[in-house]
Amino acid sequence: MQDNTDYTMLYRLAKYYYEDKLSQSEIAQKEHISRPHISRLLDKARECGIVDIKVTLPPELQISKTRQALKEKLRLKDAIIAFSPADAMKNSKRVSMNIATAAAHHLPHLISEAKNIGIGWGFTMYQTSLQLSYCNNCEDITSVPLVGISGENNPYLQINTIVDRFAEKLGSKSLYTNIPAIRESNMELAQVEKDRYIKIRKYWDRLDAAIIGLGVPPRVGKFLISEVSQKYKDILINSKTVGDILSHFFFEDGTVFDLKADYEQVSLPIDKLKNIEKVICLAGGLSKVDGIIAAARNGFFNILITDSVTAKHILEKV
């Protein structure tokens, strides 16, 4: 069949639109063609390969230098930096969304060789799970919750939801939990809960990757876990802990605030993170700078995904 496509015309229209930045209406006037027809011809130019559109994360000249400096100063395997303008720091969720966008872009590559991946919780983790693209070569992965369930309504504290979204996007198998992240020590687990907990802990012992968030110090942010008493919340607020990972609040030297007198915590002990080949921490914001530095220095993660402003403040402190 004869091909009657006017490729030269398609090229000309595409050049007008993508390089010369003319509007479709302006091109229509030039070519004496209706604007809807111009739109169809531009679609045709893309279909024919005349136009190759690539969507990439925004570059910044200093990001590669900052990335290398973070790797060296914090002794990391890798650092990934999402560009954020300075005024983004006024909105913590905007910062988290930028980090989640970078994480969703890079995670499939970072975990490509992993088999058992631990999944943490938090706003950035939840947003990352939403933004992840579907992966076609991740079928052998098992996604494992690293923390128990919460009674809060926040979707970013619903660990099973986050694990399920990761598993869906990665096409992976998954485990789920039915045990509260923090519960009173005198509460006996039902047998089905014990069996599930034993199974999850066995997976914790053979994790080769983990993806975690990092929370702000309790004196800065609202304490989101409702299962502990106001007494413990007040003690935590007055403590000198610098952040939390998997609901473990930790001090600058890496020691963890002890709840054991009254509560049992169902989450991966953060010391175990040191034994996992890849631990990817998604965290940013000025209130998290001290926590990020302390967590890195104490070996709680070895890959950091953060934003450019947070990275700058980290380097000013280390």
Protein backbone atom coordinates (compact mmCIF):
# COMPACT_ATOMS: atom_id res chain seq x y z
CA MET A 1 0.00 0.00 0.00
CA GLN A 2 1.28 3.43 -0.94
CA ASP A 3 2.29 5.64 1.98
CA ASN A 4 0.78 9.09 1.45
CA THR A 5 2.08 10.56 4.72
CA ASP A 6 3.71 13.96 4.24
CA TYR A 7 6.66 13.40 6.59
CA THR A 8 8.27 16.72 5.71
CA MET A 9 5.13 18.53 6.72
CA LEU A 10 4.96 16.59 9.98
CA TYR A 11 8.56 17.57 10.69
CA ARG A 12 7.81 21.22 9.95
CA LEU A 13 4.77 21.27 12.24
CA ALA A 14 6.67 19.50 15.00
CA LYS A 15 9.53 21.99 14.71
CA TYR A 16 7.10 24.90 14.94
CA TYR A 17 5.48 23.44 18.04
CA TYR A 18 8.32 21.87 20.02
CA GLU A 19 11.32 23.99 19.03
CA ASP A 20 9.87 27.35 18.01
CA LYS A 21 7.24 27.19 20.79
CA LEU A 22 4.38 28.31 18.54
CA SER A 23 0.89 27.50 19.74
CA GLN A 24 -1.31 25.14 17.76
CA SER A 25 -3.51 28.10 16.80
CA GLU A 26 -0.49 30.02 15.47
CA ILE A 27 0.62 26.99 13.43
CA ALA A 28 -2.91 26.59 12.08
CA GLN A 29 -2.82 30.19 10.79
CA LYS A 30 0.58 29.64 9.17
CA GLU A 31 -0.44 26.42 7.47
CA HIS A 32 -4.07 27.32 6.77
CA ILE A 33 -5.21 24.19 8.57
CA SER A 34 -7.72 23.91 11.40
CA ARG A 35 -6.33 23.73 14.94
CA PRO A 36 -7.87 20.27 15.62
CA HIS A 37 -6.15 19.00 12.47
CA ILE A 38 -2.84 20.41 13.71
CA SER A 39 -3.32 18.49 16.96
CA ARG A 40 -3.92 15.25 15.06
CA LEU A 41 -0.85 15.82 12.87
CA LEU A 42 1.34 16.44 15.95
CA ASP A 43 0.10 13.13 17.37
CA LYS A 44 1.02 11.54 14.04
CA ALA A 45 4.52 13.06 14.24
CA ARG A 46 5.01 11.36 17.62
CA GLU A 47 3.67 8.04 16.29
CA CYS A 48 6.09 8.18 13.34
CA GLY A 49 9.10 8.83 15.56
CA ILE A 50 9.67 12.35 14.24
CA VAL A 51 9.15 13.57 17.80
CA ASP A 52 10.77 11.68 20.66
CA ILE A 53 9.51 13.02 23.98
CA LYS A 54 11.50 12.13 27.09
CA VAL A 55 10.42 12.97 30.61
CA THR A 56 13.37 13.32 32.98
CA LEU A 57 13.89 14.62 36.47
CA PRO A 58 15.13 18.24 36.46
CA PRO A 59 18.92 18.57 36.43
CA GLU A 60 20.92 20.95 38.58
CA LEU A 61 24.63 21.58 38.14
CA GLN A 62 25.47 21.20 41.82
CA ILE A 63 23.46 18.03 42.45
CA SER A 64 26.18 15.63 41.27
CA LYS A 65 28.75 17.36 43.51
CA THR A 66 26.36 17.36 46.46
CA ARG A 67 25.59 13.70 45.90
CA GLN A 68 29.26 12.78 45.99
CA ALA A 69 29.84 14.89 49.09
CA LEU A 70 26.93 13.21 50.89
CA LYS A 71 28.27 9.77 50.00
CA GLU A 72 31.70 10.65 51.38
CA LYS A 73 30.63 12.56 54.50
CA LEU A 74 27.94 10.08 55.58
CA ARG A 75 29.81 7.01 54.25
CA LEU A 76 26.93 5.92 52.06
CA LYS A 77 26.79 3.49 49.17
CA ASP A 78 24.73 6.01 47.25
CA ALA A 79 22.78 9.25 47.57
CA ILE A 80 19.98 10.45 45.32
CA ILE A 81 18.87 14.07 45.45
CA ALA A 82 15.56 15.47 44.28
CA PHE A 83 15.72 19.12 43.36
CA SER A 84 13.57 21.33 45.60
CA PRO A 85 13.43 25.13 45.54
CA ALA A 86 14.28 26.86 48.81
CA ASP A 87 10.69 27.93 49.43
CA ALA A 88 9.57 24.29 49.38
CA MET A 89 10.92 23.98 52.93
CA LYS A 90 7.87 25.91 54.12
CA ASN A 91 5.72 22.93 53.17
CA SER A 92 6.95 19.57 54.48
CA LYS A 93 4.51 17.61 52.33
CA ARG A 94 5.80 19.31 49.19
CA VAL A 95 9.34 18.25 50.13
CA SER A 96 8.16 14.71 50.77
CA MET A 97 6.34 14.59 47.45
CA ASN A 98 9.54 15.61 45.61
CA ILE A 99 11.50 12.91 47.44
CA ALA A 100 8.78 10.35 46.68
CA THR A 101 8.95 11.27 42.98
CA ALA A 102 12.71 10.66 42.91
CA ALA A 103 12.33 7.47 44.94
CA ALA A 104 9.66 6.08 42.61
CA HIS A 105 11.94 6.79 39.65
CA HIS A 106 15.09 5.18 41.11
CA LEU A 107 13.82 2.34 43.33
CA PRO A 108 13.22 -0.27 40.59
CA HIS A 109 16.92 -0.05 39.69
CA LEU A 110 18.12 0.07 43.30
CA ILE A 111 16.23 -3.10 44.29
CA SER A 112 16.58 -4.96 41.01
CA GLU A 113 18.77 -7.69 42.50
CA ALA A 114 16.93 -8.04 45.82
CA LYS A 115 14.68 -10.97 46.71
CA ASN A 116 13.27 -10.07 50.13
CA ILE A 117 12.53 -6.38 50.66
CA GLY A 118 11.44 -4.87 53.96
CA ILE A 119 8.92 -2.05 53.68
CA GLY A 120 8.54 0.75 56.24
CA TRP A 121 5.86 3.38 56.66
CA GLY A 122 5.36 7.13 56.71
CA PHE A 123 4.04 9.86 54.41
CA THR A 124 6.94 9.68 51.95
CA MET A 125 6.78 5.89 51.81
CA TYR A 126 3.06 6.02 51.11
CA GLN A 127 3.46 8.63 48.36
CA THR A 128 6.27 6.61 46.83
CA SER A 129 4.03 3.55 46.71
CA LEU A 130 1.46 5.60 44.79
CA GLN A 131 3.97 7.01 42.30
CA LEU A 132 5.86 3.80 41.53
CA SER A 133 5.51 2.56 37.98
CA TYR A 134 4.67 -1.05 37.28
CA CYS A 135 7.80 -3.21 37.10
CA ASN A 136 8.00 -6.10 34.64
CA ASN A 137 11.07 -7.86 36.04
CA CYS A 138 10.45 -7.88 39.80
CA GLU A 139 8.36 -11.08 40.08
CA ASP A 140 10.84 -12.89 42.34
CA ILE A 141 10.64 -10.23 45.05
CA THR A 142 8.79 -10.67 48.34
CA SER A 143 7.65 -7.47 50.08
CA VAL A 144 7.70 -7.75 53.88
CA PRO A 145 6.28 -5.32 56.48
CA LEU A 146 8.89 -4.03 58.92
CA VAL A 147 6.42 -2.72 61.48
CA GLY A 148 3.06 -3.71 62.94
CA ILE A 149 -0.30 -2.10 62.30
CA SER A 150 -1.52 1.19 63.71
CA GLY A 151 -4.97 2.17 64.89
CA GLU A 152 -4.61 5.58 63.28
CA ASN A 153 -6.67 6.55 60.23
CA ASN A 154 -3.71 8.03 58.35
CA PRO A 155 -3.11 5.96 55.19
CA TYR A 156 0.64 6.48 55.57
CA LEU A 157 0.57 4.55 58.86
CA GLN A 158 -1.32 1.60 57.37
CA ILE A 159 1.62 -0.71 56.74
CA ASN A 160 -0.40 -3.41 54.99
CA THR A 161 -1.72 -0.84 52.51
CA ILE A 162 1.79 0.39 51.73
CA VAL A 163 3.16 -3.14 51.38
CA ASP A 164 0.23 -4.05 49.13
CA ARG A 165 0.84 -1.07 46.85
CA PHE A 166 4.55 -1.85 46.59
CA ALA A 167 3.74 -5.49 45.83
CA GLU A 168 1.18 -4.51 43.19
CA LYS A 169 3.58 -2.14 41.40
CA LEU A 170 6.52 -4.54 41.65
CA GLY A 171 4.42 -7.57 40.72
CA SER A 172 5.86 -9.22 43.81
CA LYS A 173 4.66 -11.56 46.50
CA SER A 174 3.90 -10.03 49.88
CA LEU A 175 3.39 -10.73 53.55
CA TYR A 176 1.00 -8.87 55.83
CA THR A 177 0.75 -8.37 59.56
CA ASN A 178 -2.17 -8.31 62.00
CA ILE A 179 -0.27 -7.25 65.15
CA PRO A 180 -0.21 -3.70 66.59
CA ALA A 181 3.10 -1.87 66.23
CA ILE A 182 3.01 -1.03 69.93
CA ARG A 183 0.95 -2.93 72.49
CA GLU A 184 0.86 -3.28 76.24
CA SER A 185 3.34 -5.89 77.50
CA ASN A 186 0.71 -7.88 79.39
CA MET A 187 -1.42 -8.46 76.27
CA GLU A 188 -1.13 -12.07 75.06
CA LEU A 189 -1.04 -12.68 71.33
CA ALA A 190 -3.53 -15.10 69.81
CA GLN A 191 -2.01 -18.20 68.23
CA VAL A 192 -2.70 -16.99 64.69
CA GLU A 193 -0.90 -13.73 65.54
CA LYS A 194 2.06 -15.63 66.98
CA ASP A 195 2.32 -17.77 63.86
CA ARG A 196 2.20 -14.73 61.58
CA TYR A 197 4.79 -12.90 63.68
CA ILE A 198 7.15 -15.89 63.61
CA LYS A 199 6.86 -16.07 59.82
CA ILE A 200 7.56 -12.35 59.38
CA ARG A 201 10.55 -12.47 61.73
CA LYS A 202 12.04 -15.31 59.67
CA TYR A 203 11.85 -13.05 56.64
CA TRP A 204 13.43 -10.22 58.62
CA ASP A 205 16.47 -12.46 59.11
CA ARG A 206 16.98 -12.86 55.37
CA LEU A 207 16.22 -9.40 54.03
CA ASP A 208 18.64 -8.17 51.37
CA ALA A 209 17.02 -4.74 51.01
CA ALA A 210 14.83 -2.41 53.05
CA ILE A 211 13.04 0.83 52.20
CA ILE A 212 12.32 3.04 55.19
CA GLY A 213 11.21 6.51 56.17
CA LEU A 214 12.60 8.63 58.98
CA GLY A 215 10.41 10.70 61.31
CA VAL A 216 10.99 14.04 63.00
CA PRO A 217 11.97 14.30 66.69
CA PRO A 218 8.90 13.96 68.94
CA ARG A 219 9.37 17.50 70.26
CA VAL A 220 8.87 18.81 66.71
CA GLY A 221 6.04 16.77 65.26
CA LYS A 222 2.82 15.27 66.49
CA PHE A 223 3.22 11.81 68.03
CA LEU A 224 1.19 9.71 65.61
CA ILE A 225 1.06 6.36 67.38
CA SER A 226 -2.05 6.37 69.54
CA GLU A 227 -1.34 3.11 71.36
CA VAL A 228 0.92 4.60 74.06
CA SER A 229 -0.22 6.66 77.03
CA GLN A 230 0.09 10.42 77.35
CA LYS A 231 2.73 9.77 80.02
CA TYR A 232 5.06 8.15 77.49
CA LYS A 233 4.27 10.78 74.88
CA ASP A 234 5.32 13.50 77.33
CA ILE A 235 8.51 11.62 78.22
CA LEU A 236 9.35 11.23 74.54
CA ILE A 237 8.65 14.89 73.82
CA ASN A 238 11.08 15.86 76.58
CA SER A 239 13.69 13.34 75.52
CA LYS A 240 16.66 14.25 73.38
CA THR A 241 15.83 11.74 70.66
CA VAL A 242 16.62 13.08 67.20
CA GLY A 243 14.25 11.02 65.06
CA ASP A 244 12.47 7.72 64.61
CA ILE A 245 12.71 4.79 62.26
CA LEU A 246 9.95 2.15 62.28
CA SER A 247 8.58 3.82 65.47
CA HIS A 248 11.93 3.37 67.25
CA PHE A 249 12.94 6.78 68.62
CA PHE A 250 16.73 7.05 68.70
CA PHE A 251 19.33 9.33 70.22
CA GLU A 252 22.32 10.91 68.48
CA ASP A 253 24.56 7.99 69.55
CA GLY A 254 22.18 5.45 68.00
CA THR A 255 20.70 4.11 71.25
CA VAL A 256 16.93 3.67 71.24
CA PHE A 257 14.37 5.11 73.64
CA ASP A 258 13.23 2.17 75.79
CA LEU A 259 9.51 1.42 76.02
CA LYS A 260 9.96 -2.14 77.30
CA ALA A 261 8.81 -1.51 80.87
CA ASP A 262 5.20 -1.13 79.74
CA TYR A 263 5.05 -1.81 76.02
CA GLU A 264 6.15 -4.36 73.47
CA GLN A 265 7.12 -3.00 70.11
CA VAL A 266 6.46 -5.06 67.00
CA SER A 267 8.87 -3.71 64.41
CA LEU A 268 12.26 -4.64 63.08
CA PRO A 269 14.90 -3.64 65.68
CA ILE A 270 16.82 -0.88 63.96
CA ASP A 271 20.18 -2.43 64.88
CA LYS A 272 19.25 -5.21 62.43
CA LEU A 273 19.25 -2.66 59.62
CA LYS A 274 23.05 -2.65 59.85
CA ASN A 275 23.13 -6.24 58.56
CA ILE A 276 21.04 -5.62 55.43
CA GLU A 277 22.94 -5.10 52.18
CA LYS A 278 20.83 -2.17 50.98
CA VAL A 279 18.83 0.06 53.31
CA ILE A 280 17.26 2.94 51.42
CA CYS A 281 16.08 5.87 53.55
CA LEU A 282 13.60 8.37 52.13
CA ALA A 283 13.79 11.53 54.22
CA GLY A 284 13.99 15.30 53.92
CA GLY A 285 13.13 18.54 55.67
CA LEU A 286 15.15 20.74 58.00
CA SER A 287 13.66 19.15 61.13
CA LYS A 288 15.07 15.79 60.02
CA VAL A 289 18.66 16.90 59.38
CA ASP A 290 20.00 15.78 62.79
CA GLY A 291 18.11 12.50 62.57
CA ILE A 292 19.43 11.76 59.09
CA ILE A 293 23.01 12.45 60.16
CA ALA A 294 22.70 10.32 63.31
CA ALA A 295 21.00 7.45 61.48
CA ALA A 296 23.66 7.42 58.76
CA ARG A 297 26.56 7.59 61.22
CA ASN A 298 25.07 4.71 63.22
CA GLY A 299 24.63 2.56 60.12
CA PHE A 300 20.82 2.49 60.05
CA PHE A 301 20.82 3.09 56.30
CA ASN A 302 23.40 3.17 53.51
CA ILE A 303 21.46 4.78 50.65
CA LEU A 304 19.76 8.15 51.09
CA ILE A 305 17.07 9.71 48.91
CA THR A 306 16.56 13.30 49.97
CA ASP A 307 16.05 16.77 48.50
CA SER A 308 18.62 19.39 47.51
CA VAL A 309 17.90 21.85 50.34
CA THR A 310 18.08 19.17 53.04
CA ALA A 311 21.29 17.85 51.48
CA LYS A 312 22.84 21.32 51.65
CA HIS A 313 21.97 21.64 55.36
CA ILE A 314 23.32 18.17 56.10
CA LEU A 315 26.67 19.05 54.53
CA GLU A 316 26.82 22.26 56.53
CA LYS A 317 26.56 20.26 59.78
CA VAL A 318 28.85 17.29 59.12
